[in-house]
Amino acid sequence: MILKNNTIFVLFLSVFFLQSVYSQKYNAVDAVVLKYPKQFSSTEKLAERIEKDFTSDYDKARAIYSWIAFNISYDLATYLNPPKARGFSYSTELEKQQKIQLQNDKDLQKVFKSKKAVCEGFTLLYRHLATLVGLKCEIVRGDSKTRLNDIGRENTTSNHAWNMVLVDGKWRLVDVTWGEGYYDQSKRKLVKDFATIYFDTKPAYFFAKHFPDSGTYLGDRLSKSDFLNAPLIYNKTIEGDYEIIAPQSGTIAVKSGDKVTFRIKNVSKADPLFYLNRKNQPVRIENPKERGDSLEFQVVIDENIGQYLTFYLVESSIVSFKVMVK
């Protein structure tokens, strides 16, 4: 589950998400899937409909993502009160795998009928539907990075799951749980908000917010240190390709009065970039300089800066740092 925090002041209503207009939010595949029934008699019938309407594997993979995101809601009650682990006995590895498959089948069918799931259910249903339309798909379990206090924590934890689907000879990263919506902490409610960015996400952005239990991606080892210590990025960062070039560390350890240089890709001087001071007042970035396709600027770290420094573009946060004044 992805979380959303609201910063309360009059001019800015949303921190994590900027609502897109219809034409930007849905592509041609999504528009077709939006017309599908909310309920099919079976997963096989849904898969048949997808295969009838789409010819390319990429569009099929996207259609599965869209249908699940549109129709399955996050099960907050189960997340807050998870069921006890289920055990079973077996005598061979084959029997073990058969029983796991049987339980997974029961779980995904329950998700399909109830329209509720936590991340495990989302991934099971996505893999099942992908398999039905002829796509190779895997479930990956690992850590997620969504909160300010995730910046610089010491260890990874296994708390999330997502998919990898093989399309046109390339593994695509998919997190349909986060594509479905988010939890608004200030209002204590779940919000349906379709996000396209967690389908076929660029690995650099995906692994800034996800870390697999295996510590690897397609055979290459990922850096746990980079994941834990990097800045926290948001949906808008991925949407706008706002790569954080500097600082690369999410923890800023400086003396009071020091200037810190920041550099963000695809932002210009004309963009309304700002941060909030300790009093939650917006502070516009002063004297920024354009460096190629990025914007470079400095911020003085003093008593006006709180524990976390978050930069906003228009109404949406794009990056947060943890501030440690020596």
C-alpha atoms as a PDB file:
ATOM      1  CA  MET A   1       0.000   0.000   0.000  1.00  0.00           C
ATOM      2  CA  ILE A   2       1.284   3.456  -0.835  1.00  0.00           C
ATOM      3  CA  LEU A   3       0.664   6.258   1.636  1.00  0.00           C
ATOM      4  CA  LYS A   4      -0.252   9.874   1.110  1.00  0.00           C
ATOM      5  CA  ASN A   5       0.366  12.687   3.585  1.00  0.00           C
ATOM      6  CA  ASN A   6      -1.370  16.026   3.237  1.00  0.00           C
ATOM      7  CA  THR A   7       0.458  19.204   4.188  1.00  0.00           C
ATOM      8  CA  ILE A   8      -2.140  21.623   5.540  1.00  0.00           C
ATOM      9  CA  PHE A   9      -2.023  25.129   4.183  1.00  0.00           C
ATOM     10  CA  VAL A  10      -4.431  27.039   2.025  1.00  0.00           C
ATOM     11  CA  LEU A  11      -2.728  27.106  -1.359  1.00  0.00           C
ATOM     12  CA  PHE A  12      -1.785  23.460  -1.674  1.00  0.00           C
ATOM     13  CA  LEU A  13      -4.265  20.601  -1.372  1.00  0.00           C
ATOM     14  CA  SER A  14      -2.283  17.539  -2.376  1.00  0.00           C
ATOM     15  CA  VAL A  15       1.244  16.455  -1.640  1.00  0.00           C
ATOM     16  CA  PHE A  16       1.746  13.208  -3.499  1.00  0.00           C
ATOM     17  CA  PHE A  17      -0.585  13.336  -6.493  1.00  0.00           C
ATOM     18  CA  LEU A  18      -1.592  15.874  -9.131  1.00  0.00           C
ATOM     19  CA  GLN A  19      -4.848  14.809 -10.763  1.00  0.00           C
ATOM     20  CA  SER A  20      -4.383  14.451 -14.514  1.00  0.00           C
ATOM     21  CA  VAL A  21      -7.032  15.194 -17.071  1.00  0.00           C
ATOM     22  CA  TYR A  22      -8.708  12.181 -18.657  1.00  0.00           C
ATOM     23  CA  SER A  23      -6.672  12.242 -21.879  1.00  0.00           C
ATOM     24  CA  GLN A  24      -3.419  12.194 -19.922  1.00  0.00           C
ATOM     25  CA  LYS A  25      -4.465   9.647 -17.337  1.00  0.00           C
ATOM     26  CA  TYR A  26      -5.760   6.865 -19.596  1.00  0.00           C
ATOM     27  CA  ASN A  27      -4.251   5.529 -22.793  1.00  0.00           C
ATOM     28  CA  ALA A  28      -6.141   3.704 -25.560  1.00  0.00           C
ATOM     29  CA  VAL A  29      -5.917   0.355 -23.784  1.00  0.00           C
ATOM     30  CA  ASP A  30      -7.224   1.803 -20.536  1.00  0.00           C
ATOM     31  CA  ALA A  31     -10.136   3.441 -22.336  1.00  0.00           C
ATOM     32  CA  VAL A  32     -11.250   0.067 -23.708  1.00  0.00           C
ATOM     33  CA  VAL A  33     -10.865  -1.670 -20.331  1.00  0.00           C
ATOM     34  CA  LEU A  34     -12.877   1.041 -18.600  1.00  0.00           C
ATOM     35  CA  LYS A  35     -15.893  -0.216 -20.563  1.00  0.00           C
ATOM     36  CA  TYR A  36     -15.482  -3.795 -19.339  1.00  0.00           C
ATOM     37  CA  PRO A  37     -17.921  -5.227 -16.792  1.00  0.00           C
ATOM     38  CA  LYS A  38     -16.816  -4.895 -13.205  1.00  0.00           C
ATOM     39  CA  GLN A  39     -17.481  -8.579 -12.729  1.00  0.00           C
ATOM     40  CA  PHE A  40     -16.774 -11.518 -15.051  1.00  0.00           C
ATOM     41  CA  SER A  41     -18.042 -15.031 -14.385  1.00  0.00           C
ATOM     42  CA  SER A  42     -14.465 -16.321 -14.252  1.00  0.00           C
ATOM     43  CA  THR A  43     -10.880 -15.229 -14.702  1.00  0.00           C
ATOM     44  CA  GLU A  44     -10.856 -17.285 -17.902  1.00  0.00           C
ATOM     45  CA  LYS A  45     -13.692 -15.177 -19.325  1.00  0.00           C
ATOM     46  CA  LEU A  46     -11.814 -11.972 -18.508  1.00  0.00           C
ATOM     47  CA  ALA A  47      -8.675 -13.355 -20.142  1.00  0.00           C
ATOM     48  CA  GLU A  48     -10.680 -14.307 -23.241  1.00  0.00           C
ATOM     49  CA  ARG A  49     -12.048 -10.757 -23.481  1.00  0.00           C
ATOM     50  CA  ILE A  50      -8.556  -9.287 -23.228  1.00  0.00           C
ATOM     51  CA  GLU A  51      -7.218 -11.650 -25.906  1.00  0.00           C
ATOM     52  CA  LYS A  52     -10.151 -10.748 -28.162  1.00  0.00           C
ATOM     53  CA  ASP A  53      -9.644  -6.984 -27.809  1.00  0.00           C
ATOM     54  CA  PHE A  54      -5.837  -6.779 -27.902  1.00  0.00           C
ATOM     55  CA  THR A  55      -3.280  -8.393 -30.192  1.00  0.00           C
ATOM     56  CA  SER A  56       0.059  -7.283 -28.792  1.00  0.00           C
ATOM     57  CA  ASP A  57       1.499  -8.802 -25.629  1.00  0.00           C
ATOM     58  CA  TYR A  58       2.285  -5.324 -24.342  1.00  0.00           C
ATOM     59  CA  ASP A  59      -1.337  -4.232 -24.628  1.00  0.00           C
ATOM     60  CA  LYS A  60      -2.528  -7.443 -22.966  1.00  0.00           C
ATOM     61  CA  ALA A  61      -0.159  -6.883 -20.052  1.00  0.00           C
ATOM     62  CA  ARG A  62      -1.404  -3.301 -19.756  1.00  0.00           C
ATOM     63  CA  ALA A  63      -5.060  -4.362 -19.977  1.00  0.00           C
ATOM     64  CA  ILE A  64      -4.604  -6.772 -17.062  1.00  0.00           C
ATOM     65  CA  TYR A  65      -2.956  -3.998 -15.046  1.00  0.00           C
ATOM     66  CA  SER A  66      -5.769  -1.582 -15.851  1.00  0.00           C
ATOM     67  CA  TRP A  67      -8.621  -3.978 -15.093  1.00  0.00           C
ATOM     68  CA  ILE A  68      -7.182  -4.943 -11.714  1.00  0.00           C
ATOM     69  CA  ALA A  69      -6.427  -1.321 -10.801  1.00  0.00           C
ATOM     70  CA  PHE A  70      -9.938  -0.221 -11.804  1.00  0.00           C
ATOM     71  CA  ASN A  71     -11.796  -3.040 -10.075  1.00  0.00           C
ATOM     72  CA  ILE A  72      -9.805  -4.378  -7.110  1.00  0.00           C
ATOM     73  CA  SER A  73      -9.557  -2.236  -3.974  1.00  0.00           C
ATOM     74  CA  TYR A  74      -6.943  -2.393  -1.274  1.00  0.00           C
ATOM     75  CA  ASP A  75      -8.125  -4.384   1.737  1.00  0.00           C
ATOM     76  CA  LEU A  76      -7.109  -2.112   4.594  1.00  0.00           C
ATOM     77  CA  ALA A  77      -8.819  -4.252   7.242  1.00  0.00           C
ATOM     78  CA  THR A  78      -6.724  -7.282   6.298  1.00  0.00           C
ATOM     79  CA  TYR A  79      -3.580  -5.152   6.134  1.00  0.00           C
ATOM     80  CA  LEU A  80      -4.182  -3.839   9.660  1.00  0.00           C
ATOM     81  CA  ASN A  81      -5.237  -7.250  11.025  1.00  0.00           C
ATOM     82  CA  PRO A  82      -3.459  -9.885   8.945  1.00  0.00           C
ATOM     83  CA  PRO A  83      -4.649 -13.495   9.277  1.00  0.00           C
ATOM     84  CA  LYS A  84      -2.467 -16.019  11.032  1.00  0.00           C
ATOM     85  CA  ALA A  85       0.030 -17.862   8.888  1.00  0.00           C
ATOM     86  CA  ARG A  86      -1.361 -21.079   7.461  1.00  0.00           C
ATOM     87  CA  GLY A  87       0.692 -24.220   7.825  1.00  0.00           C
ATOM     88  CA  PHE A  88       0.431 -27.576   6.091  1.00  0.00           C
ATOM     89  CA  SER A  89       2.265 -30.858   6.020  1.00  0.00           C
ATOM     90  CA  TYR A  90       3.935 -32.495   3.015  1.00  0.00           C
ATOM     91  CA  SER A  91       6.218 -35.389   2.313  1.00  0.00           C
ATOM     92  CA  THR A  92       7.863 -34.310  -0.944  1.00  0.00           C
ATOM     93  CA  GLU A  93       8.851 -31.052  -2.596  1.00  0.00           C
ATOM     94  CA  LEU A  94       6.348 -31.762  -5.362  1.00  0.00           C
ATOM     95  CA  GLU A  95       3.539 -32.125  -2.826  1.00  0.00           C
ATOM     96  CA  LYS A  96       4.635 -28.897  -1.157  1.00  0.00           C
ATOM     97  CA  GLN A  97       4.500 -26.959  -4.421  1.00  0.00           C
ATOM     98  CA  GLN A  98       1.136 -28.472  -5.316  1.00  0.00           C
ATOM     99  CA  LYS A  99      -0.361 -27.390  -1.996  1.00  0.00           C
ATOM    100  CA  ILE A 100       1.099 -23.889  -2.345  1.00  0.00           C
ATOM    101  CA  GLN A 101      -0.393 -23.642  -5.838  1.00  0.00           C
ATOM    102  CA  LEU A 102      -3.762 -24.847  -4.577  1.00  0.00           C
ATOM    103  CA  GLN A 103      -3.805 -22.230  -1.831  1.00  0.00           C
ATOM    104  CA  ASN A 104      -2.683 -19.485  -4.244  1.00  0.00           C
ATOM    105  CA  ASP A 105      -5.509 -20.446  -6.609  1.00  0.00           C
ATOM    106  CA  LYS A 106      -8.018 -20.166  -3.770  1.00  0.00           C
ATOM    107  CA  ASP A 107      -6.610 -16.800  -2.713  1.00  0.00           C
ATOM    108  CA  LEU A 108      -6.675 -15.238  -6.177  1.00  0.00           C
ATOM    109  CA  GLN A 109     -10.205 -16.471  -6.838  1.00  0.00           C
ATOM    110  CA  LYS A 110     -11.276 -14.908  -3.536  1.00  0.00           C
ATOM    111  CA  VAL A 111      -9.708 -11.623  -4.658  1.00  0.00           C
ATOM    112  CA  PHE A 112     -11.430 -11.869  -8.050  1.00  0.00           C
ATOM    113  CA  LYS A 113     -14.847 -12.351  -6.445  1.00  0.00           C
ATOM    114  CA  SER A 114     -14.554 -10.076  -3.402  1.00  0.00           C
ATOM    115  CA  LYS A 115     -12.781  -7.246  -5.260  1.00  0.00           C
ATOM    116  CA  LYS A 116     -10.467  -6.727  -2.276  1.00  0.00           C
ATOM    117  CA  ALA A 117      -6.814  -7.592  -1.730  1.00  0.00           C
ATOM    118  CA  VAL A 118      -3.520  -6.671  -0.144  1.00  0.00           C
ATOM    119  CA  CYS A 119      -0.393  -6.649  -2.287  1.00  0.00           C
ATOM    120  CA  GLU A 120      -0.048 -10.452  -2.303  1.00  0.00           C
ATOM    121  CA  GLY A 121      -3.544 -10.826  -3.739  1.00  0.00           C
ATOM    122  CA  PHE A 122      -2.934  -8.189  -6.409  1.00  0.00           C
ATOM    123  CA  THR A 123       0.225  -9.966  -7.552  1.00  0.00           C
ATOM    124  CA  LEU A 124      -1.352 -13.431  -7.548  1.00  0.00           C
ATOM    125  CA  LEU A 125      -4.256 -12.230  -9.693  1.00  0.00           C
ATOM    126  CA  TYR A 126      -1.953 -10.362 -12.077  1.00  0.00           C
ATOM    127  CA  ARG A 127       0.281 -13.416 -12.557  1.00  0.00           C
ATOM    128  CA  HIS A 128      -2.723 -15.696 -13.057  1.00  0.00           C
ATOM    129  CA  LEU A 129      -4.318 -13.488 -15.719  1.00  0.00           C
ATOM    130  CA  ALA A 130      -0.975 -12.951 -17.447  1.00  0.00           C
ATOM    131  CA  THR A 131      -0.475 -16.711 -17.620  1.00  0.00           C
ATOM    132  CA  LEU A 132      -3.965 -17.178 -19.073  1.00  0.00           C
ATOM    133  CA  VAL A 133      -3.156 -14.820 -21.980  1.00  0.00           C
ATOM    134  CA  GLY A 134       0.169 -16.541 -22.614  1.00  0.00           C
ATOM    135  CA  LEU A 135       2.574 -14.248 -20.777  1.00  0.00           C
ATOM    136  CA  LYS A 136       5.369 -15.351 -18.492  1.00  0.00           C
ATOM    137  CA  CYS A 137       5.027 -13.575 -15.166  1.00  0.00           C
ATOM    138  CA  GLU A 138       6.648 -13.741 -11.741  1.00  0.00           C
ATOM    139  CA  ILE A 139       5.934 -12.449  -8.255  1.00  0.00           C
ATOM    140  CA  VAL A 140       8.699 -10.589  -6.427  1.00  0.00           C
ATOM    141  CA  ARG A 141       8.620  -9.912  -2.693  1.00  0.00           C
ATOM    142  CA  GLY A 142      10.600  -7.262  -0.912  1.00  0.00           C
ATOM    143  CA  ASP A 143      10.752  -3.876   0.788  1.00  0.00           C
ATOM    144  CA  SER A 144       8.958  -0.658  -0.093  1.00  0.00           C
ATOM    145  CA  LYS A 145      10.011   2.932   0.515  1.00  0.00           C
ATOM    146  CA  THR A 146       7.083   5.334   0.951  1.00  0.00           C
ATOM    147  CA  ARG A 147       7.502   7.273   4.205  1.00  0.00           C
ATOM    148  CA  LEU A 148       9.777  10.083   5.317  1.00  0.00           C
ATOM    149  CA  ASN A 149      11.166   7.924   8.109  1.00  0.00           C
ATOM    150  CA  ASP A 150      12.239   5.367   5.489  1.00  0.00           C
ATOM    151  CA  ILE A 151      15.066   7.723   4.537  1.00  0.00           C
ATOM    152  CA  GLY A 152      18.285   6.414   6.047  1.00  0.00           C
ATOM    153  CA  ARG A 153      16.801   3.530   8.022  1.00  0.00           C
ATOM    154  CA  GLU A 154      19.232   0.725   8.743  1.00  0.00           C
ATOM    155  CA  ASN A 155      17.639  -2.421   7.324  1.00  0.00           C
ATOM    156  CA  THR A 156      15.300  -3.627   4.635  1.00  0.00           C
ATOM    157  CA  THR A 157      12.136  -5.519   5.551  1.00  0.00           C
ATOM    158  CA  SER A 158       9.922  -7.814   3.499  1.00  0.00           C
ATOM    159  CA  ASN A 159       6.623  -5.914   3.453  1.00  0.00           C
ATOM    160  CA  HIS A 160       5.470  -5.701  -0.163  1.00  0.00           C
ATOM    161  CA  ALA A 161       5.085  -7.674  -3.399  1.00  0.00           C
ATOM    162  CA  TRP A 162       5.011  -6.817  -7.102  1.00  0.00           C
ATOM    163  CA  ASN A 163       5.260  -8.482 -10.522  1.00  0.00           C
ATOM    164  CA  MET A 164       7.640  -8.902 -13.406  1.00  0.00           C
ATOM    165  CA  VAL A 165       6.088  -9.758 -16.768  1.00  0.00           C
ATOM    166  CA  LEU A 166       8.010 -10.807 -19.879  1.00  0.00           C
ATOM    167  CA  VAL A 167       6.883  -8.827 -22.934  1.00  0.00           C
ATOM    168  CA  ASP A 168       8.689  -8.762 -26.279  1.00  0.00           C
ATOM    169  CA  GLY A 169      11.756 -10.360 -24.764  1.00  0.00           C
ATOM    170  CA  LYS A 170      12.034  -7.808 -21.958  1.00  0.00           C
ATOM    171  CA  TRP A 171      11.035  -8.090 -18.304  1.00  0.00           C
ATOM    172  CA  ARG A 172       8.674  -5.263 -17.322  1.00  0.00           C
ATOM    173  CA  LEU A 173       8.263  -4.112 -13.721  1.00  0.00           C
ATOM    174  CA  VAL A 174       4.657  -3.868 -12.518  1.00  0.00           C
ATOM    175  CA  ASP A 175       3.158  -2.809  -9.177  1.00  0.00           C
ATOM    176  CA  VAL A 176      -0.593  -2.898  -9.662  1.00  0.00           C
ATOM    177  CA  THR A 177      -1.192  -2.438  -5.913  1.00  0.00           C
ATOM    178  CA  TRP A 178       0.218   1.080  -6.168  1.00  0.00           C
ATOM    179  CA  GLY A 179      -1.467   1.596  -9.527  1.00  0.00           C
ATOM    180  CA  GLU A 180      -4.845   1.121  -7.817  1.00  0.00           C
ATOM    181  CA  GLY A 181      -4.621   4.043  -5.416  1.00  0.00           C
ATOM    182  CA  TYR A 182      -3.283   5.169  -2.065  1.00  0.00           C
ATOM    183  CA  TYR A 183      -4.072   5.647   1.606  1.00  0.00           C
ATOM    184  CA  ASP A 184      -4.667   9.263   2.623  1.00  0.00           C
ATOM    185  CA  GLN A 185      -3.262   9.448   6.148  1.00  0.00           C
ATOM    186  CA  SER A 186      -4.744  12.848   6.956  1.00  0.00           C
ATOM    187  CA  LYS A 187      -8.275  11.673   6.092  1.00  0.00           C
ATOM    188  CA  ARG A 188      -7.690   8.077   7.208  1.00  0.00           C
ATOM    189  CA  LYS A 189      -9.272   6.669   4.083  1.00  0.00           C
ATOM    190  CA  LEU A 190      -8.391   4.754   0.958  1.00  0.00           C
ATOM    191  CA  VAL A 191      -8.555   6.669  -2.315  1.00  0.00           C
ATOM    192  CA  LYS A 192      -8.951   5.086  -5.745  1.00  0.00           C
ATOM    193  CA  ASP A 193      -6.530   6.935  -8.019  1.00  0.00           C
ATOM    194  CA  PHE A 194      -5.339   5.079 -11.109  1.00  0.00           C
ATOM    195  CA  ALA A 195      -1.598   5.600 -11.627  1.00  0.00           C
ATOM    196  CA  THR A 196      -0.039   4.536 -14.914  1.00  0.00           C
ATOM    197  CA  ILE A 197       3.546   4.928 -13.711  1.00  0.00           C
ATOM    198  CA  TYR A 198       3.698   1.533 -11.999  1.00  0.00           C
ATOM    199  CA  PHE A 199       3.260  -0.360 -15.249  1.00  0.00           C
ATOM    200  CA  ASP A 200       6.544  -0.905 -17.079  1.00  0.00           C
ATOM    201  CA  THR A 201       8.330   1.468 -14.703  1.00  0.00           C
ATOM    202  CA  LYS A 202      11.941   2.392 -15.444  1.00  0.00           C
ATOM    203  CA  PRO A 203      14.139   0.220 -13.198  1.00  0.00           C
ATOM    204  CA  ALA A 204      16.025   3.203 -11.756  1.00  0.00           C
ATOM    205  CA  TYR A 205      12.793   4.722 -10.451  1.00  0.00           C
ATOM    206  CA  PHE A 206      11.221   1.405  -9.518  1.00  0.00           C
ATOM    207  CA  PHE A 207      14.128   0.312  -7.355  1.00  0.00           C
ATOM    208  CA  ALA A 208      14.273   3.686  -5.648  1.00  0.00           C
ATOM    209  CA  LYS A 209      10.979   2.608  -4.034  1.00  0.00           C
ATOM    210  CA  HIS A 210      11.262  -1.212  -4.124  1.00  0.00           C
ATOM    211  CA  PHE A 211      14.016  -3.562  -2.945  1.00  0.00           C
ATOM    212  CA  PRO A 212      13.644  -7.303  -3.656  1.00  0.00           C
ATOM    213  CA  ASP A 213      14.350  -9.829  -0.929  1.00  0.00           C
ATOM    214  CA  SER A 214      16.854 -11.486  -3.262  1.00  0.00           C
ATOM    215  CA  GLY A 215      18.801  -8.240  -3.571  1.00  0.00           C
ATOM    216  CA  THR A 216      19.079  -8.841  -7.302  1.00  0.00           C
ATOM    217  CA  TYR A 217      17.358  -7.868 -10.550  1.00  0.00           C
ATOM    218  CA  LEU A 218      17.845 -10.065 -13.613  1.00  0.00           C
ATOM    219  CA  GLY A 219      21.032 -11.452 -12.120  1.00  0.00           C
ATOM    220  CA  ASP A 220      22.528  -8.076 -11.226  1.00  0.00           C
ATOM    221  CA  ARG A 221      23.020  -7.217  -7.568  1.00  0.00           C
ATOM    222  CA  LEU A 222      21.235  -4.115  -6.323  1.00  0.00           C
ATOM    223  CA  SER A 223      22.693  -1.823  -3.676  1.00  0.00           C
ATOM    224  CA  LYS A 224      20.858  -2.086  -0.367  1.00  0.00           C
ATOM    225  CA  SER A 225      22.801   0.946   0.868  1.00  0.00           C
ATOM    226  CA  ASP A 226      21.690   3.057  -2.099  1.00  0.00           C
ATOM    227  CA  PHE A 227      18.068   2.025  -1.521  1.00  0.00           C
ATOM    228  CA  LEU A 228      18.105   2.794   2.203  1.00  0.00           C
ATOM    229  CA  ASN A 229      20.083   6.025   2.042  1.00  0.00           C
ATOM    230  CA  ALA A 230      18.742   7.621  -1.146  1.00  0.00           C
ATOM    231  CA  PRO A 231      16.230  10.515  -1.101  1.00  0.00           C
ATOM    232  CA  LEU A 232      12.543   9.656  -1.044  1.00  0.00           C
ATOM    233  CA  ILE A 233      10.898  10.173  -4.432  1.00  0.00           C
ATOM    234  CA  TYR A 234       7.194  10.377  -5.278  1.00  0.00           C
ATOM    235  CA  ASN A 235       4.780   9.557  -8.072  1.00  0.00           C
ATOM    236  CA  LYS A 236       5.239  12.982  -9.638  1.00  0.00           C
ATOM    237  CA  THR A 237       8.996  12.379  -9.779  1.00  0.00           C
ATOM    238  CA  ILE A 238       8.457   9.332 -11.938  1.00  0.00           C
ATOM    239  CA  GLU A 239       5.728  10.947 -14.055  1.00  0.00           C
ATOM    240  CA  GLY A 240       7.916  13.928 -14.926  1.00  0.00           C
ATOM    241  CA  ASP A 241      11.216  12.033 -15.098  1.00  0.00           C
ATOM    242  CA  TYR A 242      12.567  14.388 -12.430  1.00  0.00           C
ATOM    243  CA  GLU A 243      15.795  12.555 -11.730  1.00  0.00           C
ATOM    244  CA  ILE A 244      17.500  13.705  -8.520  1.00  0.00           C
ATOM    245  CA  ILE A 245      21.078  14.322  -9.610  1.00  0.00           C
ATOM    246  CA  ALA A 246      22.376  15.936  -6.400  1.00  0.00           C
ATOM    247  CA  PRO A 247      22.645  15.261  -3.556  1.00  0.00           C
ATOM    248  CA  GLN A 248      22.544  11.507  -4.072  1.00  0.00           C
ATOM    249  CA  SER A 249      22.310  10.901  -0.348  1.00  0.00           C
ATOM    250  CA  GLY A 250      18.894  11.297   1.238  1.00  0.00           C
ATOM    251  CA  THR A 251      20.462  12.412   4.513  1.00  0.00           C
ATOM    252  CA  ILE A 252      21.877  15.925   4.627  1.00  0.00           C
ATOM    253  CA  ALA A 253      24.359  16.264   7.509  1.00  0.00           C
ATOM    254  CA  VAL A 254      25.641  19.839   7.719  1.00  0.00           C
ATOM    255  CA  LYS A 255      26.283  22.688  10.126  1.00  0.00           C
ATOM    256  CA  SER A 256      23.641  25.365  10.653  1.00  0.00           C
ATOM    257  CA  GLY A 257      24.089  28.068   8.034  1.00  0.00           C
ATOM    258  CA  ASP A 258      25.672  25.791   5.435  1.00  0.00           C
ATOM    259  CA  LYS A 259      24.461  25.919   1.845  1.00  0.00           C
ATOM    260  CA  VAL A 260      23.515  22.681   0.128  1.00  0.00           C
ATOM    261  CA  THR A 261      23.448  22.390  -3.656  1.00  0.00           C
ATOM    262  CA  PHE A 262      20.558  20.530  -5.288  1.00  0.00           C
ATOM    263  CA  ARG A 263      20.149  19.536  -8.908  1.00  0.00           C
ATOM    264  CA  ILE A 264      16.991  18.057 -10.459  1.00  0.00           C
ATOM    265  CA  LYS A 265      16.553  16.914 -14.054  1.00  0.00           C
ATOM    266  CA  ASN A 266      13.786  18.271 -16.323  1.00  0.00           C
ATOM    267  CA  VAL A 267      12.963  21.270 -14.127  1.00  0.00           C
ATOM    268  CA  SER A 268      13.399  24.823 -15.446  1.00  0.00           C
ATOM    269  CA  LYS A 269      13.595  28.264 -13.857  1.00  0.00           C
ATOM    270  CA  ALA A 270      10.028  28.929 -14.984  1.00  0.00           C
ATOM    271  CA  ASP A 271       8.658  26.029 -12.943  1.00  0.00           C
ATOM    272  CA  PRO A 272       7.083  26.895  -9.558  1.00  0.00           C
ATOM    273  CA  LEU A 273       9.553  24.979  -7.386  1.00  0.00           C
ATOM    274  CA  PHE A 274       9.446  25.521  -3.613  1.00  0.00           C
ATOM    275  CA  TYR A 275       9.814  23.901  -0.194  1.00  0.00           C
ATOM    276  CA  LEU A 276       8.030  24.348   3.115  1.00  0.00           C
ATOM    277  CA  ASN A 277       9.791  25.865   6.093  1.00  0.00           C
ATOM    278  CA  ARG A 278       9.352  24.775   9.700  1.00  0.00           C
ATOM    279  CA  LYS A 279       6.122  26.820   9.911  1.00  0.00           C
ATOM    280  CA  ASN A 280       4.659  25.081   6.833  1.00  0.00           C
ATOM    281  CA  GLN A 281       5.074  28.248   4.793  1.00  0.00           C
ATOM    282  CA  PRO A 282       6.055  27.875   1.119  1.00  0.00           C
ATOM    283  CA  VAL A 283       9.513  29.213   0.231  1.00  0.00           C
ATOM    284  CA  ARG A 284      10.217  29.775  -3.464  1.00  0.00           C
ATOM    285  CA  ILE A 285      13.627  28.698  -4.723  1.00  0.00           C
ATOM    286  CA  GLU A 286      15.837  31.729  -5.303  1.00  0.00           C
ATOM    287  CA  ASN A 287      18.451  32.258  -8.031  1.00  0.00           C
ATOM    288  CA  PRO A 288      18.232  28.813  -9.647  1.00  0.00           C
ATOM    289  CA  LYS A 289      20.489  28.064 -12.614  1.00  0.00           C
ATOM    290  CA  GLU A 290      19.705  25.886 -15.594  1.00  0.00           C
ATOM    291  CA  ARG A 291      22.417  23.329 -16.284  1.00  0.00           C
ATOM    292  CA  GLY A 292      21.563  21.568 -19.521  1.00  0.00           C
ATOM    293  CA  ASP A 293      18.323  19.690 -18.902  1.00  0.00           C
ATOM    294  CA  SER A 294      18.425  20.204 -15.126  1.00  0.00           C
ATOM    295  CA  LEU A 295      17.962  22.936 -12.549  1.00  0.00           C
ATOM    296  CA  GLU A 296      20.647  23.682  -9.944  1.00  0.00           C
ATOM    297  CA  PHE A 297      19.970  25.714  -6.807  1.00  0.00           C
ATOM    298  CA  GLN A 298      21.098  26.142  -3.219  1.00  0.00           C
ATOM    299  CA  VAL A 299      19.269  26.141   0.083  1.00  0.00           C
ATOM    300  CA  VAL A 300      20.645  27.452   3.370  1.00  0.00           C
ATOM    301  CA  ILE A 301      20.143  24.904   6.134  1.00  0.00           C
ATOM    302  CA  ASP A 302      19.270  26.871   9.260  1.00  0.00           C
ATOM    303  CA  GLU A 303      16.667  27.010  12.036  1.00  0.00           C
ATOM    304  CA  ASN A 304      13.936  27.631   9.438  1.00  0.00           C
ATOM    305  CA  ILE A 305      14.397  24.132   8.001  1.00  0.00           C
ATOM    306  CA  GLY A 306      12.638  21.250   9.733  1.00  0.00           C
ATOM    307  CA  GLN A 307      13.684  17.632  10.173  1.00  0.00           C
ATOM    308  CA  TYR A 308      12.713  16.865   6.582  1.00  0.00           C
ATOM    309  CA  LEU A 309      13.170  19.019   3.505  1.00  0.00           C
ATOM    310  CA  THR A 310      10.668  18.319   0.725  1.00  0.00           C
ATOM    311  CA  PHE A 311      10.636  20.065  -2.633  1.00  0.00           C
ATOM    312  CA  TYR A 312       7.353  20.638  -4.461  1.00  0.00           C
ATOM    313  CA  LEU A 313       6.561  21.349  -8.077  1.00  0.00           C
ATOM    314  CA  VAL A 314       3.171  23.082  -8.445  1.00  0.00           C
ATOM    315  CA  GLU A 315       1.067  21.040  -5.977  1.00  0.00           C
ATOM    316  CA  SER A 316       3.082  17.834  -5.857  1.00  0.00           C
ATOM    317  CA  SER A 317       6.074  16.725  -3.845  1.00  0.00           C
ATOM    318  CA  ILE A 318       8.938  15.394  -5.926  1.00  0.00           C
ATOM    319  CA  VAL A 319      11.710  14.622  -3.432  1.00  0.00           C
ATOM    320  CA  SER A 320      12.382  14.586   0.319  1.00  0.00           C
ATOM    321  CA  PHE A 321      15.616  14.662   2.309  1.00  0.00           C
ATOM    322  CA  LYS A 322      16.302  14.045   5.970  1.00  0.00           C
ATOM    323  CA  VAL A 323      18.135  16.977   7.577  1.00  0.00           C
ATOM    324  CA  MET A 324      20.674  16.430  10.328  1.00  0.00           C
ATOM    325  CA  VAL A 325      22.242  19.629  11.668  1.00  0.00           C
ATOM    326  CA  LYS A 326      25.561  19.024  13.452  1.00  0.00           C
END
